[in-house]
Amino acid sequence: MKMKIFFLVCFFLALSGRLDAQNVTKVGTTVMGFLKIDVGARAMGMGGAYVANSEDVTGMFWNPAGIARLKNSEAIFSHTNWIADVDFDYAGIAIPLPRIGIIGLNATFLTMDPMERTTTIYPEGTGETFDAGQYAFGIAYGRELTDRFSIGFNVKYINETIRNCSASGFSMDLGTLFTTNFNGMKIGMSISNYGTKMRMAGRELLVQHDIDAANPGNNENLNAQLDTGSFDLPLLFRVGVSMDMLKGYGNSNLILSVDALHPNDDVEYVNIGGEYVYNKLVALRAGYKSLFAERSEEGLSMGAGFIAHPIGMRLTVDYAYRNFGVLKDINMFTLGLAF
């Protein structure tokens, strides 16, 4: 009976992910796309269906309400070999404070090797190189309002730099997490990247322009500034459910979860995933991301994790793989410590 009810809820979530879908996807209309990259190999291995599973330090990304469930301090470092030889790294720590709640700090980096500068005159390269990258620093807070309901938020400073130009701004993530009376089923909701518009500025945009080239005698070297325009952040609304179908029966846990997502720069889609844990030592995961999305290259995810308990601590080592279609497949490694 509980299996039927769980999948009935999943069906309605999947259906909600298809409502009001448009033929125009709006892909590429937002900036700071690195804010949408999944954090944590456990979550990636489960296909990104994690908004209701976020009761660990990665909850600062997925659903800040999740960190409110932490009983111990947790730290994490995650590295991803992203597409186009780009590196994606995430580090975070969350610390419980008695009678106050959970405070967390997090940092996200998207970095690349220096690139050679090209121009229309020198399409093969000028011999100069430049750097480009994006990063975000955040501070999070989570608190349990009851033994079943928690809330949280994560405030981030965001920056993007390319050569001598940059853009910066602020955003906020908000989330709630509720544990129902039905077999411990969890319902999570979050809004990510609600914040300021971003606009590139810097001395690379300074040019010299003749405002009236048809008339001789005027100053043809007037300084002018190129207008780059302002663009929105990738706002994302998630709602999902998760349930442990075994509840530790036979020293095993089987977590099934589904998320419905509504982004401001694409059509709605659904993530599904599952995790099997044996004796709290070994975990196997699988999932599928961007179900029903018409033009996504993301799809099947798989992963595994190992848990150790040295000297009263908990050490986790996780790996995840995701198929990325015509692009390079993704590998993520995560190291976590609870103390």
C-alpha atoms as a PDB file:
ATOM      1  CA  MET A   1       0.000   0.000   0.000  1.00  0.00           C
ATOM      2  CA  LYS A   2       2.754   2.471   0.882  1.00  0.00           C
ATOM      3  CA  MET A   3       4.464   1.722  -2.451  1.00  0.00           C
ATOM      4  CA  LYS A   4       1.276   2.591  -4.354  1.00  0.00           C
ATOM      5  CA  ILE A   5       0.812   5.880  -2.496  1.00  0.00           C
ATOM      6  CA  PHE A   6       4.465   6.846  -3.011  1.00  0.00           C
ATOM      7  CA  PHE A   7       4.290   6.293  -6.762  1.00  0.00           C
ATOM      8  CA  LEU A   8       0.949   8.079  -6.955  1.00  0.00           C
ATOM      9  CA  VAL A   9       2.590  11.164  -5.441  1.00  0.00           C
ATOM     10  CA  CYS A  10       5.485  10.748  -7.880  1.00  0.00           C
ATOM     11  CA  PHE A  11       3.042  10.635 -10.785  1.00  0.00           C
ATOM     12  CA  PHE A  12       1.435  13.925  -9.820  1.00  0.00           C
ATOM     13  CA  LEU A  13       4.853  15.529  -9.348  1.00  0.00           C
ATOM     14  CA  ALA A  14       5.890  14.354 -12.788  1.00  0.00           C
ATOM     15  CA  LEU A  15       2.650  15.687 -14.229  1.00  0.00           C
ATOM     16  CA  SER A  16       3.191  19.072 -12.567  1.00  0.00           C
ATOM     17  CA  GLY A  17       6.625  19.218 -14.188  1.00  0.00           C
ATOM     18  CA  ARG A  18       4.912  19.203 -17.605  1.00  0.00           C
ATOM     19  CA  LEU A  19       2.258  21.835 -16.996  1.00  0.00           C
ATOM     20  CA  ASP A  20       2.527  25.012 -19.049  1.00  0.00           C
ATOM     21  CA  ALA A  21       5.578  23.749 -20.976  1.00  0.00           C
ATOM     22  CA  GLN A  22       6.283  25.911 -24.016  1.00  0.00           C
ATOM     23  CA  ASN A  23       7.904  25.177 -27.357  1.00  0.00           C
ATOM     24  CA  VAL A  24      10.233  28.142 -26.711  1.00  0.00           C
ATOM     25  CA  THR A  25      12.652  26.911 -24.052  1.00  0.00           C
ATOM     26  CA  LYS A  26      14.422  30.211 -23.292  1.00  0.00           C
ATOM     27  CA  VAL A  27      17.715  28.290 -23.086  1.00  0.00           C
ATOM     28  CA  GLY A  28      20.669  30.667 -22.909  1.00  0.00           C
ATOM     29  CA  THR A  29      18.669  33.643 -21.634  1.00  0.00           C
ATOM     30  CA  THR A  30      20.269  33.607 -18.163  1.00  0.00           C
ATOM     31  CA  VAL A  31      23.849  33.918 -16.915  1.00  0.00           C
ATOM     32  CA  MET A  32      25.970  32.209 -14.250  1.00  0.00           C
ATOM     33  CA  GLY A  33      25.045  28.748 -15.494  1.00  0.00           C
ATOM     34  CA  PHE A  34      27.508  27.166 -13.052  1.00  0.00           C
ATOM     35  CA  LEU A  35      24.912  27.786 -10.320  1.00  0.00           C
ATOM     36  CA  LYS A  36      22.848  24.969 -11.852  1.00  0.00           C
ATOM     37  CA  ILE A  37      25.587  22.307 -11.728  1.00  0.00           C
ATOM     38  CA  ASP A  38      24.744  19.519  -9.271  1.00  0.00           C
ATOM     39  CA  VAL A  39      26.716  19.433  -6.033  1.00  0.00           C
ATOM     40  CA  GLY A  40      27.764  16.176  -4.369  1.00  0.00           C
ATOM     41  CA  ALA A  41      28.346  12.761  -5.900  1.00  0.00           C
ATOM     42  CA  ARG A  42      25.511  11.226  -3.867  1.00  0.00           C
ATOM     43  CA  ALA A  43      22.995  13.649  -5.340  1.00  0.00           C
ATOM     44  CA  MET A  44      24.407  13.323  -8.863  1.00  0.00           C
ATOM     45  CA  GLY A  45      24.302   9.526  -8.647  1.00  0.00           C
ATOM     46  CA  MET A  46      20.592   9.780  -7.781  1.00  0.00           C
ATOM     47  CA  GLY A  47      19.902  11.812 -10.898  1.00  0.00           C
ATOM     48  CA  GLY A  48      19.600  15.115  -9.053  1.00  0.00           C
ATOM     49  CA  ALA A  49      16.394  13.992  -7.295  1.00  0.00           C
ATOM     50  CA  TYR A  50      17.585  15.383  -3.989  1.00  0.00           C
ATOM     51  CA  VAL A  51      15.486  18.274  -2.720  1.00  0.00           C
ATOM     52  CA  ALA A  52      13.784  15.984  -0.162  1.00  0.00           C
ATOM     53  CA  ASN A  53      17.001  14.056   0.667  1.00  0.00           C
ATOM     54  CA  SER A  54      19.139  17.071   1.520  1.00  0.00           C
ATOM     55  CA  GLU A  55      19.766  16.276   5.198  1.00  0.00           C
ATOM     56  CA  ASP A  56      23.513  16.731   4.832  1.00  0.00           C
ATOM     57  CA  VAL A  57      25.973  19.547   4.209  1.00  0.00           C
ATOM     58  CA  THR A  58      25.143  19.625   0.469  1.00  0.00           C
ATOM     59  CA  GLY A  59      21.692  20.809   1.494  1.00  0.00           C
ATOM     60  CA  MET A  60      23.113  24.330   1.339  1.00  0.00           C
ATOM     61  CA  PHE A  61      22.885  23.877  -2.445  1.00  0.00           C
ATOM     62  CA  TRP A  62      19.834  21.639  -2.854  1.00  0.00           C
ATOM     63  CA  ASN A  63      17.559  22.754  -0.038  1.00  0.00           C
ATOM     64  CA  PRO A  64      18.953  24.806   2.866  1.00  0.00           C
ATOM     65  CA  ALA A  65      16.227  23.445   5.145  1.00  0.00           C
ATOM     66  CA  GLY A  66      18.005  20.090   5.017  1.00  0.00           C
ATOM     67  CA  ILE A  67      21.005  21.226   7.044  1.00  0.00           C
ATOM     68  CA  ALA A  68      18.646  21.906   9.957  1.00  0.00           C
ATOM     69  CA  ARG A  69      18.483  18.108  10.480  1.00  0.00           C
ATOM     70  CA  LEU A  70      22.227  17.777  11.135  1.00  0.00           C
ATOM     71  CA  LYS A  71      23.191  16.428  14.556  1.00  0.00           C
ATOM     72  CA  ASN A  72      26.941  16.838  14.054  1.00  0.00           C
ATOM     73  CA  SER A  73      29.232  19.161  12.177  1.00  0.00           C
ATOM     74  CA  GLU A  74      29.838  18.162   8.568  1.00  0.00           C
ATOM     75  CA  ALA A  75      32.351  19.186   5.921  1.00  0.00           C
ATOM     76  CA  ILE A  76      32.563  18.271   2.260  1.00  0.00           C
ATOM     77  CA  PHE A  77      34.792  18.712  -0.752  1.00  0.00           C
ATOM     78  CA  SER A  78      33.604  17.773  -4.219  1.00  0.00           C
ATOM     79  CA  HIS A  79      35.468  17.800  -7.540  1.00  0.00           C
ATOM     80  CA  THR A  80      33.921  17.361 -10.981  1.00  0.00           C
ATOM     81  CA  ASN A  81      35.579  16.988 -14.360  1.00  0.00           C
ATOM     82  CA  TRP A  82      33.032  19.114 -16.193  1.00  0.00           C
ATOM     83  CA  ILE A  83      32.560  19.409 -19.945  1.00  0.00           C
ATOM     84  CA  ALA A  84      35.049  21.224 -22.229  1.00  0.00           C
ATOM     85  CA  ASP A  85      37.970  20.522 -19.834  1.00  0.00           C
ATOM     86  CA  VAL A  86      36.459  22.770 -17.167  1.00  0.00           C
ATOM     87  CA  ASP A  87      36.811  21.959 -13.450  1.00  0.00           C
ATOM     88  CA  PHE A  88      33.939  22.371 -11.010  1.00  0.00           C
ATOM     89  CA  ASP A  89      34.713  22.357  -7.266  1.00  0.00           C
ATOM     90  CA  TYR A  90      32.537  22.769  -4.201  1.00  0.00           C
ATOM     91  CA  ALA A  91      33.489  22.984  -0.530  1.00  0.00           C
ATOM     92  CA  GLY A  92      31.232  23.466   2.464  1.00  0.00           C
ATOM     93  CA  ILE A  93      30.963  23.130   6.208  1.00  0.00           C
ATOM     94  CA  ALA A  94      27.926  23.206   8.505  1.00  0.00           C
ATOM     95  CA  ILE A  95      28.074  23.496  12.287  1.00  0.00           C
ATOM     96  CA  PRO A  96      25.195  23.054  14.787  1.00  0.00           C
ATOM     97  CA  LEU A  97      24.876  25.843  17.360  1.00  0.00           C
ATOM     98  CA  PRO A  98      22.790  24.957  20.425  1.00  0.00           C
ATOM     99  CA  ARG A  99      19.455  26.821  20.656  1.00  0.00           C
ATOM    100  CA  ILE A 100      20.329  28.797  17.520  1.00  0.00           C
ATOM    101  CA  GLY A 101      20.301  26.405  14.574  1.00  0.00           C
ATOM    102  CA  ILE A 102      22.778  25.308  11.931  1.00  0.00           C
ATOM    103  CA  ILE A 103      25.247  27.735  10.373  1.00  0.00           C
ATOM    104  CA  GLY A 104      27.011  26.834   7.141  1.00  0.00           C
ATOM    105  CA  LEU A 105      29.656  28.237   4.816  1.00  0.00           C
ATOM    106  CA  ASN A 106      30.114  27.177   1.205  1.00  0.00           C
ATOM    107  CA  ALA A 107      32.246  28.015  -1.819  1.00  0.00           C
ATOM    108  CA  THR A 108      31.769  27.106  -5.482  1.00  0.00           C
ATOM    109  CA  PHE A 109      34.380  27.445  -8.231  1.00  0.00           C
ATOM    110  CA  LEU A 110      34.255  26.916 -11.990  1.00  0.00           C
ATOM    111  CA  THR A 111      37.781  27.192 -13.373  1.00  0.00           C
ATOM    112  CA  MET A 112      39.624  26.554 -16.613  1.00  0.00           C
ATOM    113  CA  ASP A 113      43.150  26.620 -17.971  1.00  0.00           C
ATOM    114  CA  PRO A 114      44.353  29.879 -19.589  1.00  0.00           C
ATOM    115  CA  MET A 115      43.123  30.362 -23.167  1.00  0.00           C
ATOM    116  CA  GLU A 116      44.937  31.982 -26.063  1.00  0.00           C
ATOM    117  CA  ARG A 117      43.428  35.245 -27.254  1.00  0.00           C
ATOM    118  CA  THR A 118      42.204  35.354 -30.862  1.00  0.00           C
ATOM    119  CA  THR A 119      41.051  38.263 -33.003  1.00  0.00           C
ATOM    120  CA  THR A 120      39.618  38.708 -36.488  1.00  0.00           C
ATOM    121  CA  ILE A 121      43.094  39.662 -37.667  1.00  0.00           C
ATOM    122  CA  TYR A 122      44.800  36.773 -35.805  1.00  0.00           C
ATOM    123  CA  PRO A 123      42.221  33.937 -35.745  1.00  0.00           C
ATOM    124  CA  GLU A 124      44.945  31.410 -34.903  1.00  0.00           C
ATOM    125  CA  GLY A 125      45.953  33.356 -31.801  1.00  0.00           C
ATOM    126  CA  THR A 126      47.872  36.461 -30.799  1.00  0.00           C
ATOM    127  CA  GLY A 127      50.264  34.773 -28.390  1.00  0.00           C
ATOM    128  CA  GLU A 128      48.485  36.366 -25.392  1.00  0.00           C
ATOM    129  CA  THR A 129      46.528  34.297 -22.908  1.00  0.00           C
ATOM    130  CA  PHE A 130      43.662  35.162 -20.590  1.00  0.00           C
ATOM    131  CA  ASP A 131      41.824  33.588 -17.664  1.00  0.00           C
ATOM    132  CA  ALA A 132      38.102  33.084 -17.145  1.00  0.00           C
ATOM    133  CA  GLY A 133      36.132  31.655 -14.259  1.00  0.00           C
ATOM    134  CA  GLN A 134      33.167  31.911 -11.965  1.00  0.00           C
ATOM    135  CA  TYR A 135      32.810  31.570  -8.214  1.00  0.00           C
ATOM    136  CA  ALA A 136      30.275  31.962  -5.419  1.00  0.00           C
ATOM    137  CA  PHE A 137      30.651  32.260  -1.644  1.00  0.00           C
ATOM    138  CA  GLY A 138      27.662  31.577   0.580  1.00  0.00           C
ATOM    139  CA  ILE A 139      26.505  31.593   4.169  1.00  0.00           C
ATOM    140  CA  ALA A 140      23.593  29.371   5.124  1.00  0.00           C
ATOM    141  CA  TYR A 141      21.247  28.967   8.066  1.00  0.00           C
ATOM    142  CA  GLY A 142      18.818  26.172   8.879  1.00  0.00           C
ATOM    143  CA  ARG A 143      16.468  25.608  11.793  1.00  0.00           C
ATOM    144  CA  GLU A 144      13.904  23.029  12.855  1.00  0.00           C
ATOM    145  CA  LEU A 145      10.608  24.688  13.738  1.00  0.00           C
ATOM    146  CA  THR A 146       9.115  21.355  14.847  1.00  0.00           C
ATOM    147  CA  ASP A 147      10.371  17.780  14.920  1.00  0.00           C
ATOM    148  CA  ARG A 148       8.973  17.369  11.380  1.00  0.00           C
ATOM    149  CA  PHE A 149       9.286  20.766   9.710  1.00  0.00           C
ATOM    150  CA  SER A 150      12.436  22.767   9.010  1.00  0.00           C
ATOM    151  CA  ILE A 151      13.353  25.895   7.041  1.00  0.00           C
ATOM    152  CA  GLY A 152      16.598  27.352   5.727  1.00  0.00           C
ATOM    153  CA  PHE A 153      18.265  29.879   3.473  1.00  0.00           C
ATOM    154  CA  ASN A 154      21.609  30.415   1.753  1.00  0.00           C
ATOM    155  CA  VAL A 155      22.862  33.883   0.759  1.00  0.00           C
ATOM    156  CA  LYS A 156      25.560  33.979  -1.937  1.00  0.00           C
ATOM    157  CA  TYR A 157      27.971  36.476  -3.426  1.00  0.00           C
ATOM    158  CA  ILE A 158      28.562  35.604  -7.092  1.00  0.00           C
ATOM    159  CA  ASN A 159      31.293  36.695  -9.477  1.00  0.00           C
ATOM    160  CA  GLU A 160      32.273  35.983 -13.065  1.00  0.00           C
ATOM    161  CA  THR A 161      35.575  37.132 -14.580  1.00  0.00           C
ATOM    162  CA  ILE A 162      36.933  36.973 -18.106  1.00  0.00           C
ATOM    163  CA  ARG A 163      40.207  38.744 -18.855  1.00  0.00           C
ATOM    164  CA  ASN A 164      39.796  42.298 -17.523  1.00  0.00           C
ATOM    165  CA  CYS A 165      35.992  42.253 -17.263  1.00  0.00           C
ATOM    166  CA  SER A 166      33.801  40.950 -14.475  1.00  0.00           C
ATOM    167  CA  ALA A 167      30.230  40.817 -13.196  1.00  0.00           C
ATOM    168  CA  SER A 168      29.114  40.350  -9.608  1.00  0.00           C
ATOM    169  CA  GLY A 169      25.909  40.207  -7.604  1.00  0.00           C
ATOM    170  CA  PHE A 170      23.993  38.479  -4.828  1.00  0.00           C
ATOM    171  CA  SER A 171      21.421  35.717  -4.713  1.00  0.00           C
ATOM    172  CA  MET A 172      19.458  33.708  -2.160  1.00  0.00           C
ATOM    173  CA  ASP A 173      18.270  30.125  -1.874  1.00  0.00           C
ATOM    174  CA  LEU A 174      15.216  29.325   0.277  1.00  0.00           C
ATOM    175  CA  GLY A 175      13.859  25.937   1.276  1.00  0.00           C
ATOM    176  CA  THR A 176      11.483  23.927   3.423  1.00  0.00           C
ATOM    177  CA  LEU A 177      11.509  20.253   4.390  1.00  0.00           C
ATOM    178  CA  PHE A 178       8.605  18.324   5.925  1.00  0.00           C
ATOM    179  CA  THR A 179       8.511  14.750   7.197  1.00  0.00           C
ATOM    180  CA  THR A 180       5.018  13.277   6.940  1.00  0.00           C
ATOM    181  CA  ASN A 181       3.342  10.691   9.156  1.00  0.00           C
ATOM    182  CA  PHE A 182       3.111   8.331   6.207  1.00  0.00           C
ATOM    183  CA  ASN A 183       6.056   5.969   6.651  1.00  0.00           C
ATOM    184  CA  GLY A 184       8.431   8.917   7.095  1.00  0.00           C
ATOM    185  CA  MET A 185       7.910  10.200   3.556  1.00  0.00           C
ATOM    186  CA  LYS A 186       9.624  13.573   3.112  1.00  0.00           C
ATOM    187  CA  ILE A 187       8.465  16.515   1.025  1.00  0.00           C
ATOM    188  CA  GLY A 188      10.971  19.195   0.106  1.00  0.00           C
ATOM    189  CA  MET A 189      10.673  22.496  -1.743  1.00  0.00           C
ATOM    190  CA  SER A 190      13.291  25.085  -2.631  1.00  0.00           C
ATOM    191  CA  ILE A 191      13.820  28.228  -4.682  1.00  0.00           C
ATOM    192  CA  SER A 192      17.392  28.720  -5.879  1.00  0.00           C
ATOM    193  CA  ASN A 193      19.271  31.738  -7.275  1.00  0.00           C
ATOM    194  CA  TYR A 194      16.742  34.476  -6.566  1.00  0.00           C
ATOM    195  CA  GLY A 195      18.815  37.623  -6.872  1.00  0.00           C
ATOM    196  CA  THR A 196      20.182  40.575  -8.744  1.00  0.00           C
ATOM    197  CA  LYS A 197      20.696  40.927 -12.480  1.00  0.00           C
ATOM    198  CA  MET A 198      24.276  40.533 -13.708  1.00  0.00           C
ATOM    199  CA  ARG A 199      26.167  42.877 -16.032  1.00  0.00           C
ATOM    200  CA  MET A 200      29.724  42.679 -17.314  1.00  0.00           C
ATOM    201  CA  ALA A 201      31.962  45.718 -16.796  1.00  0.00           C
ATOM    202  CA  GLY A 202      35.667  46.451 -17.107  1.00  0.00           C
ATOM    203  CA  ARG A 203      38.367  48.111 -19.157  1.00  0.00           C
ATOM    204  CA  GLU A 204      38.031  45.601 -21.998  1.00  0.00           C
ATOM    205  CA  LEU A 205      34.738  47.308 -22.821  1.00  0.00           C
ATOM    206  CA  LEU A 206      36.387  50.722 -23.226  1.00  0.00           C
ATOM    207  CA  VAL A 207      36.721  51.635 -26.934  1.00  0.00           C
ATOM    208  CA  GLN A 208      37.470  54.704 -29.024  1.00  0.00           C
ATOM    209  CA  HIS A 209      34.689  55.855 -31.331  1.00  0.00           C
ATOM    210  CA  ASP A 210      34.066  58.573 -33.908  1.00  0.00           C
ATOM    211  CA  ILE A 211      30.506  59.776 -33.252  1.00  0.00           C
ATOM    212  CA  ASP A 212      30.260  61.410 -36.699  1.00  0.00           C
ATOM    213  CA  ALA A 213      32.591  59.708 -39.159  1.00  0.00           C
ATOM    214  CA  ALA A 214      30.970  61.529 -42.117  1.00  0.00           C
ATOM    215  CA  ASN A 215      32.243  64.948 -40.972  1.00  0.00           C
ATOM    216  CA  PRO A 216      36.023  65.531 -40.945  1.00  0.00           C
ATOM    217  CA  GLY A 217      37.734  67.595 -38.313  1.00  0.00           C
ATOM    218  CA  ASN A 218      36.007  66.160 -35.230  1.00  0.00           C
ATOM    219  CA  ASN A 219      37.715  64.063 -32.584  1.00  0.00           C
ATOM    220  CA  GLU A 220      37.770  60.462 -33.772  1.00  0.00           C
ATOM    221  CA  ASN A 221      39.291  59.099 -30.569  1.00  0.00           C
ATOM    222  CA  LEU A 222      36.515  59.776 -28.075  1.00  0.00           C
ATOM    223  CA  ASN A 223      36.333  57.181 -25.308  1.00  0.00           C
ATOM    224  CA  ALA A 224      33.152  55.112 -25.329  1.00  0.00           C
ATOM    225  CA  GLN A 225      31.848  52.210 -23.231  1.00  0.00           C
ATOM    226  CA  LEU A 226      30.230  49.148 -24.792  1.00  0.00           C
ATOM    227  CA  ASP A 227      26.807  48.336 -23.293  1.00  0.00           C
ATOM    228  CA  THR A 228      26.699  44.660 -22.352  1.00  0.00           C
ATOM    229  CA  GLY A 229      23.167  44.632 -20.947  1.00  0.00           C
ATOM    230  CA  SER A 230      21.836  43.062 -17.758  1.00  0.00           C
ATOM    231  CA  PHE A 231      20.737  39.438 -17.495  1.00  0.00           C
ATOM    232  CA  ASP A 232      18.822  37.318 -14.970  1.00  0.00           C
ATOM    233  CA  LEU A 233      20.230  34.541 -12.830  1.00  0.00           C
ATOM    234  CA  PRO A 234      19.017  30.954 -13.449  1.00  0.00           C
ATOM    235  CA  LEU A 235      16.066  30.955 -11.054  1.00  0.00           C
ATOM    236  CA  LEU A 236      14.927  27.422 -10.236  1.00  0.00           C
ATOM    237  CA  PHE A 237      11.967  26.055  -8.264  1.00  0.00           C
ATOM    238  CA  ARG A 238      12.128  22.462  -7.018  1.00  0.00           C
ATOM    239  CA  VAL A 239       9.539  20.279  -5.293  1.00  0.00           C
ATOM    240  CA  GLY A 240      10.128  16.630  -4.502  1.00  0.00           C
ATOM    241  CA  VAL A 241       9.309  13.609  -2.377  1.00  0.00           C
ATOM    242  CA  SER A 242      11.501  10.886  -0.922  1.00  0.00           C
ATOM    243  CA  MET A 243      10.832   7.702   1.002  1.00  0.00           C
ATOM    244  CA  ASP A 244      12.867   4.882   2.497  1.00  0.00           C
ATOM    245  CA  MET A 245      11.020   1.801   1.303  1.00  0.00           C
ATOM    246  CA  LEU A 246      12.870  -0.591   3.644  1.00  0.00           C
ATOM    247  CA  LYS A 247      13.370   1.570   6.766  1.00  0.00           C
ATOM    248  CA  GLY A 248      16.491  -0.353   7.756  1.00  0.00           C
ATOM    249  CA  TYR A 249      14.852  -3.785   7.309  1.00  0.00           C
ATOM    250  CA  GLY A 250      17.595  -6.380   7.222  1.00  0.00           C
ATOM    251  CA  ASN A 251      20.239  -3.698   7.737  1.00  0.00           C
ATOM    252  CA  SER A 252      19.288  -2.206   4.376  1.00  0.00           C
ATOM    253  CA  ASN A 253      17.778   1.045   3.170  1.00  0.00           C
ATOM    254  CA  LEU A 254      16.188   1.723  -0.203  1.00  0.00           C
ATOM    255  CA  ILE A 255      15.490   5.407  -0.829  1.00  0.00           C
ATOM    256  CA  LEU A 256      13.385   6.375  -3.838  1.00  0.00           C
ATOM    257  CA  SER A 257      12.871  10.004  -4.780  1.00  0.00           C
ATOM    258  CA  VAL A 258      11.464  12.212  -7.511  1.00  0.00           C
ATOM    259  CA  ASP A 259      11.779  15.964  -8.105  1.00  0.00           C
ATOM    260  CA  ALA A 260       9.784  18.245 -10.396  1.00  0.00           C
ATOM    261  CA  LEU A 261      11.637  21.375 -11.507  1.00  0.00           C
ATOM    262  CA  HIS A 262      10.540  24.686 -12.995  1.00  0.00           C
ATOM    263  CA  PRO A 263      13.458  26.825 -14.293  1.00  0.00           C
ATOM    264  CA  ASN A 264      13.154  30.339 -15.715  1.00  0.00           C
ATOM    265  CA  ASP A 265      15.377  29.468 -18.687  1.00  0.00           C
ATOM    266  CA  ASP A 266      13.995  26.136 -19.883  1.00  0.00           C
ATOM    267  CA  VAL A 267      10.922  23.919 -19.921  1.00  0.00           C
ATOM    268  CA  GLU A 268       9.799  21.997 -16.840  1.00  0.00           C
ATOM    269  CA  TYR A 269      11.334  18.569 -16.278  1.00  0.00           C
ATOM    270  CA  VAL A 270      11.599  15.745 -13.737  1.00  0.00           C
ATOM    271  CA  ASN A 271      14.500  14.006 -11.973  1.00  0.00           C
ATOM    272  CA  ILE A 272      14.149  10.514 -10.549  1.00  0.00           C
ATOM    273  CA  GLY A 273      16.605   8.489  -8.487  1.00  0.00           C
ATOM    274  CA  GLY A 274      17.221   5.787  -5.952  1.00  0.00           C
ATOM    275  CA  GLU A 275      19.828   4.664  -3.442  1.00  0.00           C
ATOM    276  CA  TYR A 276      20.406   1.267  -1.844  1.00  0.00           C
ATOM    277  CA  VAL A 277      22.501   1.227   1.350  1.00  0.00           C
ATOM    278  CA  TYR A 278      23.715  -1.957   2.998  1.00  0.00           C
ATOM    279  CA  ASN A 279      24.562  -1.948   6.685  1.00  0.00           C
ATOM    280  CA  LYS A 280      25.386   1.798   6.536  1.00  0.00           C
ATOM    281  CA  LEU A 281      28.688   0.894   4.853  1.00  0.00           C
ATOM    282  CA  VAL A 282      28.137   0.649   1.088  1.00  0.00           C
ATOM    283  CA  ALA A 283      25.726   2.536  -1.165  1.00  0.00           C
ATOM    284  CA  LEU A 284      24.704   1.987  -4.791  1.00  0.00           C
ATOM    285  CA  ARG A 285      22.830   4.705  -6.669  1.00  0.00           C
ATOM    286  CA  ALA A 286      21.121   5.300  -9.994  1.00  0.00           C
ATOM    287  CA  GLY A 287      18.884   7.966 -11.462  1.00  0.00           C
ATOM    288  CA  TYR A 288      17.805   9.890 -14.522  1.00  0.00           C
ATOM    289  CA  LYS A 289      17.989  13.657 -14.907  1.00  0.00           C
ATOM    290  CA  SER A 290      15.934  15.949 -17.137  1.00  0.00           C
ATOM    291  CA  LEU A 291      13.149  13.466 -17.834  1.00  0.00           C
ATOM    292  CA  PHE A 292      10.669  15.025 -20.334  1.00  0.00           C
ATOM    293  CA  ALA A 293      13.121  17.821 -21.200  1.00  0.00           C
ATOM    294  CA  GLU A 294      13.097  18.116 -24.998  1.00  0.00           C
ATOM    295  CA  ARG A 295      16.651  19.273 -25.726  1.00  0.00           C
ATOM    296  CA  SER A 296      18.697  18.126 -22.754  1.00  0.00           C
ATOM    297  CA  GLU A 297      21.857  16.054 -23.207  1.00  0.00           C
ATOM    298  CA  GLU A 298      21.819  14.935 -19.563  1.00  0.00           C
ATOM    299  CA  GLY A 299      20.342  11.564 -18.704  1.00  0.00           C
ATOM    300  CA  LEU A 300      21.370   8.404 -16.891  1.00  0.00           C
ATOM    301  CA  SER A 301      23.368   8.729 -13.660  1.00  0.00           C
ATOM    302  CA  MET A 302      25.042   6.041 -11.569  1.00  0.00           C
ATOM    303  CA  GLY A 303      27.199   6.088  -8.486  1.00  0.00           C
ATOM    304  CA  ALA A 304      28.537   4.359  -5.411  1.00  0.00           C
ATOM    305  CA  GLY A 305      29.635   5.346  -1.933  1.00  0.00           C
ATOM    306  CA  PHE A 306      31.622   3.953   0.972  1.00  0.00           C
ATOM    307  CA  ILE A 307      31.203   4.885   4.629  1.00  0.00           C
ATOM    308  CA  ALA A 308      33.761   4.459   7.410  1.00  0.00           C
ATOM    309  CA  HIS A 309      33.695   5.390  11.105  1.00  0.00           C
ATOM    310  CA  PRO A 310      37.210   6.247  12.283  1.00  0.00           C
ATOM    311  CA  ILE A 311      37.587   7.443  15.914  1.00  0.00           C
ATOM    312  CA  GLY A 312      33.978   8.461  16.424  1.00  0.00           C
ATOM    313  CA  MET A 313      33.719  10.264  13.085  1.00  0.00           C
ATOM    314  CA  ARG A 314      31.981   9.366   9.821  1.00  0.00           C
ATOM    315  CA  LEU A 315      33.981   9.460   6.603  1.00  0.00           C
ATOM    316  CA  THR A 316      32.229   9.148   3.259  1.00  0.00           C
ATOM    317  CA  VAL A 317      33.774   8.674  -0.162  1.00  0.00           C
ATOM    318  CA  ASP A 318      31.390   8.949  -3.113  1.00  0.00           C
ATOM    319  CA  TYR A 319      31.661   8.682  -6.872  1.00  0.00           C
ATOM    320  CA  ALA A 320      29.099   9.474  -9.569  1.00  0.00           C
ATOM    321  CA  TYR A 321      28.927   9.184 -13.338  1.00  0.00           C
ATOM    322  CA  ARG A 322      26.471  10.944 -15.639  1.00  0.00           C
ATOM    323  CA  ASN A 323      25.910  10.449 -19.330  1.00  0.00           C
ATOM    324  CA  PHE A 324      25.967  13.788 -21.161  1.00  0.00           C
ATOM    325  CA  GLY A 325      24.967  12.730 -24.663  1.00  0.00           C
ATOM    326  CA  VAL A 326      27.080  14.261 -27.427  1.00  0.00           C
ATOM    327  CA  LEU A 327      29.214  16.003 -24.802  1.00  0.00           C
ATOM    328  CA  LYS A 328      31.871  14.492 -22.568  1.00  0.00           C
ATOM    329  CA  ASP A 329      30.531  12.229 -19.807  1.00  0.00           C
ATOM    330  CA  ILE A 330      30.791  13.640 -16.293  1.00  0.00           C
ATOM    331  CA  ASN A 331      32.689  12.152 -13.323  1.00  0.00           C
ATOM    332  CA  MET A 332      32.330  13.528  -9.807  1.00  0.00           C
ATOM    333  CA  PHE A 333      34.253  12.647  -6.649  1.00  0.00           C
ATOM    334  CA  THR A 334      33.181  13.733  -3.168  1.00  0.00           C
ATOM    335  CA  LEU A 335      34.857  13.430   0.215  1.00  0.00           C
ATOM    336  CA  GLY A 336      32.733  14.086   3.312  1.00  0.00           C
ATOM    337  CA  LEU A 337      33.437  14.134   7.049  1.00  0.00           C
ATOM    338  CA  ALA A 338      31.054  14.288  10.004  1.00  0.00           C
ATOM    339  CA  PHE A 339      32.597  15.080  13.387  1.00  0.00           C
END
